[in-house]
Amino acid sequence: MKNVYFIVTFTLLLSLTKIERLYAHGGEKHGEIAKTEEEVQQSDTSALPTVVTPETHAAHRLNPETVHARPDDFPNRHPLFVHFPIVLLLVAAAVQLANIFFLRKSLDWVVTISVLVSFAAAYYVTKIDHPHTSGLSEHAKLVLAQHDFYADWTIYLAGTGLVAQVLSQFLFKGKRWSVLVVALVLTGAAYYVAMAGHYGAQLVHIEGVGPQGKYLQTDHH
C-alpha cells in the first residue's frame, strides 16, 4: 500500500513540476529559448513582434531578471492557473479508476485532495479570473463558446465528484460501488476538462487569442 501511495504521489508531483517549468520557460526547452534569442539578436528589428518595441525587447534582453515574468506582467492570470485543474482531474480520474480494484484508503486521500484543488482552481479560472475578450472574429467566438461550455461542465462535474468522493470516503467507507460511482463522475470531468483545454489551445494557437494580450481586455494594466 505504501508503494502504491508513493508512486501516485510521485506522479502527481512530477506533473505539477512539469507545469511549473512550462510556465517558467514559455512551453519551450532551455536550448530552444537560447536559440530563439540568438536568432533575434542576429536579425533586424523587423523580425520582432509589432506590439513589442525594439527598446522594450532590448531592455528585457539586457536585464536577466525579466526572463521570469511576474504575475502582473500577464494580461490575465488565467494561463497561470488553468493547467492545474486539467492535470489534477486527469490524475484523480486515473487514480480513482485504479482504486476500484485496490480499494486503498491512501488512494482515497490522493483523489480527495486532487479533486478539491482542481475544483477550486477550475472555479477560479472560469468564474473569477476568466479573461474578457474583444474584437474576436465570428469563428473565434464559436470556439470560445465551446471552450466556455466545456469549462462550465468541468466545474459542475468536478464539484459533483468532490461531494461524491467525500461521501464515498467518509460515509460509505470506500465501498466498491461508491468508488465506482465516483470514478464515473471523475472520468466525465476529465473528459470535459480535456475538451476545454483543446478549445483553449485552439483559441491561443490557431485563433491567436491571448498571446501578448491580443483580443484580451486586461485586468490590471
Protein backbone atom coordinates (compact mmCIF):
# COMPACT_ATOMS: atom_id res chain seq x y z
CA MET A 1 0.00 0.00 0.00
CA LYS A 2 2.85 2.38 0.79
CA ASN A 3 4.47 1.64 -2.56
CA VAL A 4 1.25 2.44 -4.43
CA TYR A 5 0.79 5.66 -2.48
CA PHE A 6 4.40 6.67 -3.17
CA ILE A 7 4.07 6.03 -6.92
CA VAL A 8 0.84 8.02 -7.23
CA THR A 9 2.15 10.91 -5.14
CA PHE A 10 5.40 11.00 -7.13
CA THR A 11 3.46 11.06 -10.40
CA LEU A 12 1.30 13.94 -9.16
CA LEU A 13 4.30 15.98 -8.03
CA LEU A 14 6.12 15.27 -11.29
CA SER A 15 3.13 16.53 -13.29
CA LEU A 16 2.90 19.73 -11.27
CA THR A 17 6.66 20.29 -11.64
CA LYS A 18 6.31 19.93 -15.40
CA ILE A 19 3.60 22.61 -15.42
CA GLU A 20 5.75 24.99 -13.40
CA ARG A 21 8.62 24.51 -15.87
CA LEU A 22 6.31 25.19 -18.78
CA TYR A 23 5.22 28.45 -17.18
CA ALA A 24 8.77 29.46 -16.37
CA HIS A 25 10.04 28.85 -19.91
CA GLY A 26 7.02 29.57 -22.03
CA GLY A 27 6.46 25.94 -23.04
CA GLU A 28 9.92 25.62 -24.62
CA LYS A 29 13.16 23.94 -23.66
CA HIS A 30 16.19 25.89 -22.44
CA GLY A 31 18.03 25.29 -25.67
CA GLU A 32 15.12 26.47 -27.75
CA ILE A 33 14.90 29.72 -25.80
CA ALA A 34 18.60 30.41 -26.18
CA LYS A 35 18.43 29.66 -29.89
CA THR A 36 15.48 31.97 -30.38
CA GLU A 37 17.18 34.83 -28.56
CA GLU A 38 20.37 34.34 -30.58
CA GLU A 39 18.43 34.42 -33.84
CA VAL A 40 16.65 37.59 -32.74
CA GLN A 41 19.97 39.23 -31.92
CA GLN A 42 21.32 38.43 -35.38
CA SER A 43 18.18 39.65 -37.18
CA ASP A 44 16.99 43.22 -37.64
CA THR A 45 14.24 44.74 -35.56
CA SER A 46 11.65 43.99 -38.21
CA ALA A 47 11.69 40.36 -37.07
CA LEU A 48 10.28 41.38 -33.69
CA PRO A 49 6.54 41.25 -32.98
CA THR A 50 4.95 44.55 -33.93
CA VAL A 51 3.45 45.01 -30.47
CA VAL A 52 6.89 44.93 -28.82
CA THR A 53 9.14 47.90 -29.46
CA PRO A 54 12.86 47.25 -30.02
CA GLU A 55 13.66 49.32 -26.94
CA THR A 56 11.41 47.19 -24.76
CA HIS A 57 12.81 43.97 -26.17
CA ALA A 58 16.38 45.17 -25.69
CA ALA A 59 15.64 46.07 -22.08
CA HIS A 60 14.35 42.54 -21.45
CA ARG A 61 17.47 41.00 -23.00
CA LEU A 62 19.81 43.22 -21.01
CA ASN A 63 18.06 42.52 -17.70
CA PRO A 64 18.12 38.80 -16.79
CA GLU A 65 15.54 39.40 -14.07
CA THR A 66 12.85 39.97 -16.69
CA VAL A 67 13.25 36.43 -18.05
CA HIS A 68 10.86 35.20 -15.35
CA ALA A 69 7.67 37.21 -15.83
CA ARG A 70 5.81 38.43 -12.78
CA PRO A 71 2.07 37.71 -12.40
CA ASP A 72 1.26 41.36 -13.18
CA ASP A 73 3.19 41.10 -16.46
CA PHE A 74 0.47 38.83 -17.84
CA PRO A 75 -2.65 40.42 -19.34
CA ASN A 76 -4.64 37.95 -17.26
CA ARG A 77 -3.79 35.31 -14.63
CA HIS A 78 -5.89 32.67 -16.35
CA PRO A 79 -2.87 30.95 -18.02
CA LEU A 80 -1.02 30.78 -14.71
CA PHE A 81 -3.61 28.52 -13.06
CA VAL A 82 -5.63 26.88 -15.83
CA HIS A 83 -3.39 23.81 -16.17
CA PHE A 84 -3.84 22.75 -12.55
CA PRO A 85 -7.44 21.54 -12.91
CA ILE A 86 -6.50 19.82 -16.19
CA VAL A 87 -3.69 17.80 -14.67
CA LEU A 88 -5.28 17.14 -11.29
CA LEU A 89 -8.64 16.00 -12.68
CA LEU A 90 -6.91 13.60 -15.07
CA VAL A 91 -4.78 12.26 -12.21
CA ALA A 92 -7.80 11.97 -9.90
CA ALA A 93 -9.82 10.08 -12.51
CA ALA A 94 -6.95 7.68 -13.24
CA VAL A 95 -6.27 7.02 -9.53
CA GLN A 96 -9.97 6.51 -8.79
CA LEU A 97 -10.31 4.02 -11.64
CA ALA A 98 -7.34 2.11 -10.23
CA ASN A 99 -8.83 2.25 -6.75
CA ILE A 100 -11.88 0.29 -7.93
CA PHE A 101 -9.56 -2.72 -7.82
CA PHE A 102 -7.25 -1.76 -4.93
CA LEU A 103 -9.69 -0.06 -2.51
CA ARG A 104 -6.84 1.70 -0.70
CA LYS A 105 -7.50 4.47 1.82
CA SER A 106 -4.27 6.18 0.79
CA LEU A 107 -5.56 6.43 -2.78
CA ASP A 108 -8.81 7.84 -1.42
CA TRP A 109 -6.88 10.72 0.08
CA VAL A 110 -4.97 11.33 -3.15
CA VAL A 111 -8.27 11.58 -5.03
CA THR A 112 -9.94 13.78 -2.42
CA ILE A 113 -7.10 16.30 -2.30
CA SER A 114 -6.66 16.30 -6.09
CA VAL A 115 -10.36 16.89 -6.75
CA LEU A 116 -10.58 19.59 -4.06
CA VAL A 117 -7.66 21.55 -5.53
CA SER A 118 -8.79 21.02 -9.13
CA PHE A 119 -12.35 22.14 -8.37
CA ALA A 120 -11.10 25.29 -6.63
CA ALA A 121 -8.70 26.07 -9.48
CA ALA A 122 -11.32 25.38 -12.16
CA TYR A 123 -13.83 27.65 -10.44
CA TYR A 124 -11.24 30.40 -10.07
CA VAL A 125 -10.07 30.42 -13.70
CA THR A 126 -13.61 30.07 -15.07
CA LYS A 127 -15.73 32.27 -12.83
CA ILE A 128 -13.35 34.70 -11.10
CA ASP A 129 -10.35 35.34 -13.35
CA HIS A 130 -11.62 34.36 -16.77
CA PRO A 131 -10.29 36.82 -19.38
CA HIS A 132 -12.75 39.06 -21.18
CA THR A 133 -12.31 39.37 -24.93
CA SER A 134 -12.98 41.99 -27.55
CA GLY A 135 -12.70 42.17 -31.33
CA LEU A 136 -12.96 38.42 -31.94
CA SER A 137 -13.84 37.03 -35.33
CA GLU A 138 -17.10 35.13 -35.66
CA HIS A 139 -15.25 31.83 -35.84
CA ALA A 140 -13.20 32.66 -32.75
CA LYS A 141 -16.44 33.46 -30.90
CA LEU A 142 -17.76 30.00 -31.76
CA VAL A 143 -14.57 28.39 -30.45
CA LEU A 144 -14.73 30.49 -27.28
CA ALA A 145 -18.35 29.44 -26.73
CA GLN A 146 -17.32 25.78 -26.92
CA HIS A 147 -14.42 26.42 -24.55
CA ASP A 148 -16.72 28.07 -22.02
CA PHE A 149 -19.32 25.30 -22.36
CA TYR A 150 -16.82 22.56 -21.51
CA ALA A 151 -15.23 24.70 -18.78
CA ASP A 152 -18.60 25.19 -17.08
CA TRP A 153 -19.35 21.47 -17.19
CA THR A 154 -15.90 20.79 -15.79
CA ILE A 155 -16.88 22.80 -12.71
CA TYR A 156 -20.24 21.04 -12.39
CA LEU A 157 -18.76 17.55 -12.65
CA ALA A 158 -15.72 18.35 -10.51
CA GLY A 159 -17.99 19.70 -7.77
CA THR A 160 -20.25 16.67 -8.04
CA GLY A 161 -17.22 14.40 -7.98
CA LEU A 162 -15.89 16.14 -4.88
CA VAL A 163 -19.16 15.65 -3.00
CA ALA A 164 -19.41 12.04 -4.17
CA GLN A 165 -15.83 11.36 -3.14
CA VAL A 166 -16.32 12.79 0.35
CA LEU A 167 -19.45 10.69 0.80
CA SER A 168 -17.70 7.60 -0.52
CA GLN A 169 -14.66 8.06 1.70
CA PHE A 170 -16.28 9.08 4.95
CA LEU A 171 -19.91 7.90 4.84
CA PHE A 172 -19.74 4.71 2.77
CA LYS A 173 -16.21 3.87 3.96
CA GLY A 174 -14.84 3.19 0.49
CA LYS A 175 -17.34 0.59 -0.64
CA ARG A 176 -16.55 -0.66 -4.12
CA TRP A 177 -19.84 0.55 -5.58
CA SER A 178 -19.32 4.07 -4.22
CA VAL A 179 -15.77 4.14 -5.55
CA LEU A 180 -17.15 3.11 -8.94
CA VAL A 181 -19.71 5.93 -8.91
CA VAL A 182 -17.02 8.49 -8.12
CA ALA A 183 -14.80 7.06 -10.85
CA LEU A 184 -17.57 7.50 -13.43
CA VAL A 185 -18.19 11.12 -12.41
CA LEU A 186 -14.48 11.97 -12.41
CA THR A 187 -14.00 10.30 -15.78
CA GLY A 188 -16.70 12.60 -17.14
CA ALA A 189 -14.99 15.59 -15.53
CA ALA A 190 -11.67 14.53 -17.04
CA TYR A 191 -13.26 14.37 -20.50
CA TYR A 192 -14.81 17.81 -20.19
CA VAL A 193 -11.65 19.45 -18.88
CA ALA A 194 -9.67 17.84 -21.71
CA MET A 195 -12.13 19.27 -24.24
CA ALA A 196 -11.98 22.69 -22.57
CA GLY A 197 -8.20 22.51 -22.86
CA HIS A 198 -8.47 21.55 -26.52
CA TYR A 199 -10.62 24.57 -27.39
CA GLY A 200 -8.44 26.78 -25.21
CA ALA A 201 -5.36 25.68 -27.15
CA GLN A 202 -7.25 26.29 -30.39
CA LEU A 203 -8.06 29.83 -29.27
CA VAL A 204 -4.42 30.57 -28.50
CA HIS A 205 -2.53 28.77 -31.24
CA ILE A 206 -4.98 28.94 -34.15
CA GLU A 207 -7.23 31.93 -33.49
CA GLY A 208 -4.42 33.96 -31.92
CA VAL A 209 -6.39 34.95 -28.82
CA GLY A 210 -4.21 35.72 -25.81
CA PRO A 211 -0.56 35.93 -26.92
CA GLN A 212 0.82 39.33 -25.84
CA GLY A 213 -2.70 40.27 -24.73
CA LYS A 214 -4.19 40.15 -28.22
CA TYR A 215 -8.02 40.36 -28.18
CA LEU A 216 -7.99 40.46 -24.36
CA GLN A 217 -9.25 43.12 -22.01
CA THR A 218 -6.51 43.27 -19.41
CA ASP A 219 -7.47 43.21 -15.75
CA HIS A 220 -4.68 45.20 -14.13
CA HIS A 221 -2.91 47.33 -16.76
